[in-house]
Amino acid sequence: MDRLQRPQTERSPLVDFDFDRHRLHLEGESYPEDAAAFFGPLLVALDHYLVHLRAEPPASPLVVDLRLTYFNSSSAKAFMNLFQRLEAAARDGVEVQVNWHYQSDDETMMEFGEDFREDFQAARFELCVFD
């Protein structure tokens, strides 16, 4: 699969999905005008990628790094769709590591991470502080 990359804009996060290295990175603010149109291709790519991982699990985990400073409710729904897919893959034996990065003084993003983490049982979900 070809690497999926989108540059960060004022309203949408950087997206870098490196299939060969098993890494997905999202960074920035997320309040695109049409969240379904923005996240749709990412979710489709993730679905195809997870089919391959289920068939041939890699030696290293799929690592998902989210370093967000703001997101709206439409983006939150997209993240939930993303997380549900990751958790299902982890239940099927794919090793998944989600890293939720937040600034040390951003209690709101920390709390969102804590809330999202509650939905994970099979995949690992870590809260990671940065300054």
C-alpha atoms as a PDB file:
ATOM      1  CA  MET A   1       0.000   0.000   0.000  1.00  0.00           C
ATOM      2  CA  ASP A   2       1.130   3.522  -0.710  1.00  0.00           C
ATOM      3  CA  ARG A   3       1.848   5.775   2.233  1.00  0.00           C
ATOM      4  CA  LEU A   4      -1.089   8.062   3.054  1.00  0.00           C
ATOM      5  CA  GLN A   5       0.014  11.615   3.791  1.00  0.00           C
ATOM      6  CA  ARG A   6      -1.905  14.838   4.169  1.00  0.00           C
ATOM      7  CA  PRO A   7      -0.350  18.110   5.286  1.00  0.00           C
ATOM      8  CA  GLN A   8      -1.618  19.902   8.351  1.00  0.00           C
ATOM      9  CA  THR A   9      -3.912  22.851   7.651  1.00  0.00           C
ATOM     10  CA  GLU A  10      -5.523  25.434   9.857  1.00  0.00           C
ATOM     11  CA  ARG A  11      -8.565  23.176  10.310  1.00  0.00           C
ATOM     12  CA  SER A  12      -7.252  19.656   9.823  1.00  0.00           C
ATOM     13  CA  PRO A  13      -4.436  17.598  11.328  1.00  0.00           C
ATOM     14  CA  LEU A  14      -1.357  16.266   9.649  1.00  0.00           C
ATOM     15  CA  VAL A  15      -1.938  12.670   8.617  1.00  0.00           C
ATOM     16  CA  ASP A  16       0.973  10.340   8.003  1.00  0.00           C
ATOM     17  CA  PHE A  17       0.131   6.644   7.672  1.00  0.00           C
ATOM     18  CA  ASP A  18       3.288   4.712   6.898  1.00  0.00           C
ATOM     19  CA  PHE A  19       2.011   1.208   6.204  1.00  0.00           C
ATOM     20  CA  ASP A  20       5.473  -0.312   5.824  1.00  0.00           C
ATOM     21  CA  ARG A  21       6.589   0.931   9.246  1.00  0.00           C
ATOM     22  CA  HIS A  22       3.166   0.219  10.854  1.00  0.00           C
ATOM     23  CA  ARG A  23       2.791   3.818  12.056  1.00  0.00           C
ATOM     24  CA  LEU A  24      -0.095   6.268  11.919  1.00  0.00           C
ATOM     25  CA  HIS A  25       0.529   9.822  13.083  1.00  0.00           C
ATOM     26  CA  LEU A  26      -2.096  12.563  13.484  1.00  0.00           C
ATOM     27  CA  GLU A  27      -1.060  15.997  14.704  1.00  0.00           C
ATOM     28  CA  GLY A  28      -2.595  19.448  15.032  1.00  0.00           C
ATOM     29  CA  GLU A  29      -6.107  20.781  15.293  1.00  0.00           C
ATOM     30  CA  SER A  30      -9.062  18.902  13.877  1.00  0.00           C
ATOM     31  CA  TYR A  31     -12.217  20.732  12.919  1.00  0.00           C
ATOM     32  CA  PRO A  32     -12.573  20.176   9.173  1.00  0.00           C
ATOM     33  CA  GLU A  33     -15.714  21.520   7.551  1.00  0.00           C
ATOM     34  CA  ASP A  34     -16.664  18.004   6.472  1.00  0.00           C
ATOM     35  CA  ALA A  35     -15.163  15.528   8.934  1.00  0.00           C
ATOM     36  CA  ALA A  36     -16.638  12.530   7.090  1.00  0.00           C
ATOM     37  CA  ALA A  37     -14.962  13.598   3.847  1.00  0.00           C
ATOM     38  CA  PHE A  38     -11.670  14.266   5.606  1.00  0.00           C
ATOM     39  CA  PHE A  39     -11.513  11.096   7.711  1.00  0.00           C
ATOM     40  CA  GLY A  40     -13.297   8.794   5.252  1.00  0.00           C
ATOM     41  CA  PRO A  41     -10.214   7.994   3.125  1.00  0.00           C
ATOM     42  CA  LEU A  42      -8.155   7.393   6.271  1.00  0.00           C
ATOM     43  CA  LEU A  43     -10.709   4.940   7.654  1.00  0.00           C
ATOM     44  CA  VAL A  44     -10.957   3.135   4.304  1.00  0.00           C
ATOM     45  CA  ALA A  45      -7.154   2.855   4.149  1.00  0.00           C
ATOM     46  CA  LEU A  46      -7.090   1.600   7.741  1.00  0.00           C
ATOM     47  CA  ASP A  47      -9.723  -1.020   6.966  1.00  0.00           C
ATOM     48  CA  HIS A  48      -7.701  -2.354   4.007  1.00  0.00           C
ATOM     49  CA  TYR A  49      -4.501  -2.266   6.021  1.00  0.00           C
ATOM     50  CA  LEU A  50      -6.048  -4.151   8.950  1.00  0.00           C
ATOM     51  CA  VAL A  51      -7.212  -6.917   6.620  1.00  0.00           C
ATOM     52  CA  HIS A  52      -3.553  -7.485   5.714  1.00  0.00           C
ATOM     53  CA  LEU A  53      -2.433  -7.339   9.345  1.00  0.00           C
ATOM     54  CA  ARG A  54      -5.030  -9.870  10.416  1.00  0.00           C
ATOM     55  CA  ALA A  55      -3.839 -12.237   7.682  1.00  0.00           C
ATOM     56  CA  GLU A  56      -0.137 -11.716   8.390  1.00  0.00           C
ATOM     57  CA  PRO A  57       0.509 -10.003  11.745  1.00  0.00           C
ATOM     58  CA  PRO A  58       3.792  -8.061  11.673  1.00  0.00           C
ATOM     59  CA  ALA A  59       6.607  -8.585  14.151  1.00  0.00           C
ATOM     60  CA  SER A  60       6.192  -5.026  15.410  1.00  0.00           C
ATOM     61  CA  PRO A  61       2.974  -3.425  16.664  1.00  0.00           C
ATOM     62  CA  LEU A  62       0.841  -0.957  14.795  1.00  0.00           C
ATOM     63  CA  VAL A  63       1.640   2.319  16.557  1.00  0.00           C
ATOM     64  CA  VAL A  64      -0.839   5.185  16.425  1.00  0.00           C
ATOM     65  CA  ASP A  65       0.361   8.560  17.678  1.00  0.00           C
ATOM     66  CA  LEU A  66      -2.180  11.324  18.212  1.00  0.00           C
ATOM     67  CA  ARG A  67      -0.828  14.751  19.131  1.00  0.00           C
ATOM     68  CA  LEU A  68      -3.869  16.974  19.001  1.00  0.00           C
ATOM     69  CA  THR A  69      -4.353  20.418  20.463  1.00  0.00           C
ATOM     70  CA  TYR A  70      -8.053  20.766  19.637  1.00  0.00           C
ATOM     71  CA  PHE A  71     -10.828  18.805  17.971  1.00  0.00           C
ATOM     72  CA  ASN A  72     -14.563  19.263  17.492  1.00  0.00           C
ATOM     73  CA  SER A  73     -17.376  16.798  18.063  1.00  0.00           C
ATOM     74  CA  SER A  74     -17.362  15.585  14.436  1.00  0.00           C
ATOM     75  CA  SER A  75     -13.677  14.773  14.752  1.00  0.00           C
ATOM     76  CA  ALA A  76     -14.333  13.027  18.074  1.00  0.00           C
ATOM     77  CA  LYS A  77     -16.809  10.773  16.293  1.00  0.00           C
ATOM     78  CA  ALA A  78     -14.206  10.015  13.620  1.00  0.00           C
ATOM     79  CA  PHE A  79     -11.645   9.197  16.318  1.00  0.00           C
ATOM     80  CA  MET A  80     -14.134   6.829  17.922  1.00  0.00           C
ATOM     81  CA  ASN A  81     -14.591   5.091  14.557  1.00  0.00           C
ATOM     82  CA  LEU A  82     -10.826   4.832  14.255  1.00  0.00           C
ATOM     83  CA  PHE A  83     -10.453   3.507  17.800  1.00  0.00           C
ATOM     84  CA  GLN A  84     -13.216   0.933  17.354  1.00  0.00           C
ATOM     85  CA  ARG A  85     -11.398  -0.498  14.337  1.00  0.00           C
ATOM     86  CA  LEU A  86      -8.108  -0.592  16.237  1.00  0.00           C
ATOM     87  CA  GLU A  87      -9.670  -2.301  19.252  1.00  0.00           C
ATOM     88  CA  ALA A  88     -11.373  -4.891  17.029  1.00  0.00           C
ATOM     89  CA  ALA A  89      -8.068  -5.636  15.315  1.00  0.00           C
ATOM     90  CA  ALA A  90      -6.355  -5.995  18.690  1.00  0.00           C
ATOM     91  CA  ARG A  91      -9.066  -8.455  19.793  1.00  0.00           C
ATOM     92  CA  ASP A  92      -8.260 -10.415  16.617  1.00  0.00           C
ATOM     93  CA  GLY A  93      -4.608 -10.692  17.585  1.00  0.00           C
ATOM     94  CA  VAL A  94      -3.045  -7.621  15.963  1.00  0.00           C
ATOM     95  CA  GLU A  95      -0.733  -5.834  18.405  1.00  0.00           C
ATOM     96  CA  VAL A  96      -1.883  -2.197  18.618  1.00  0.00           C
ATOM     97  CA  GLN A  97      -0.316   0.650  20.601  1.00  0.00           C
ATOM     98  CA  VAL A  98      -2.146   3.993  20.754  1.00  0.00           C
ATOM     99  CA  ASN A  99      -0.235   6.959  22.182  1.00  0.00           C
ATOM    100  CA  TRP A 100      -2.345   9.976  23.141  1.00  0.00           C
ATOM    101  CA  HIS A 101       0.050  12.922  23.417  1.00  0.00           C
ATOM    102  CA  TYR A 102      -1.055  16.056  25.256  1.00  0.00           C
ATOM    103  CA  GLN A 103       0.659  19.147  26.611  1.00  0.00           C
ATOM    104  CA  SER A 104       1.340  19.037  30.328  1.00  0.00           C
ATOM    105  CA  ASP A 105      -0.857  22.082  30.977  1.00  0.00           C
ATOM    106  CA  ASP A 106      -3.799  20.919  28.821  1.00  0.00           C
ATOM    107  CA  GLU A 107      -6.208  19.213  31.198  1.00  0.00           C
ATOM    108  CA  THR A 108      -8.941  19.056  28.570  1.00  0.00           C
ATOM    109  CA  MET A 109      -6.888  16.957  26.165  1.00  0.00           C
ATOM    110  CA  MET A 110      -5.679  14.793  29.055  1.00  0.00           C
ATOM    111  CA  GLU A 111      -9.295  14.145  30.077  1.00  0.00           C
ATOM    112  CA  PHE A 112     -10.284  13.312  26.493  1.00  0.00           C
ATOM    113  CA  GLY A 113      -7.432  10.808  26.411  1.00  0.00           C
ATOM    114  CA  GLU A 114      -8.591   9.282  29.681  1.00  0.00           C
ATOM    115  CA  ASP A 115     -12.131   9.000  28.318  1.00  0.00           C
ATOM    116  CA  PHE A 116     -10.989   7.386  25.058  1.00  0.00           C
ATOM    117  CA  ARG A 117      -8.717   4.994  26.962  1.00  0.00           C
ATOM    118  CA  GLU A 118     -11.730   3.547  28.819  1.00  0.00           C
ATOM    119  CA  ASP A 119     -12.945   1.984  25.549  1.00  0.00           C
ATOM    120  CA  PHE A 120      -9.765  -0.039  25.078  1.00  0.00           C
ATOM    121  CA  GLN A 121      -9.202  -3.490  26.498  1.00  0.00           C
ATOM    122  CA  ALA A 122      -7.210  -5.448  23.912  1.00  0.00           C
ATOM    123  CA  ALA A 123      -5.153  -2.592  22.458  1.00  0.00           C
ATOM    124  CA  ARG A 124      -2.739  -0.604  24.607  1.00  0.00           C
ATOM    125  CA  PHE A 125      -3.637   3.055  25.072  1.00  0.00           C
ATOM    126  CA  GLU A 126      -1.024   5.272  26.707  1.00  0.00           C
ATOM    127  CA  LEU A 127      -1.276   8.876  27.838  1.00  0.00           C
ATOM    128  CA  CYS A 128       1.948  10.692  26.938  1.00  0.00           C
ATOM    129  CA  VAL A 129       2.787  14.155  28.276  1.00  0.00           C
ATOM    130  CA  PHE A 130       4.882  16.630  26.294  1.00  0.00           C
ATOM    131  CA  ASP A 131       5.876  20.262  26.868  1.00  0.00           C
END
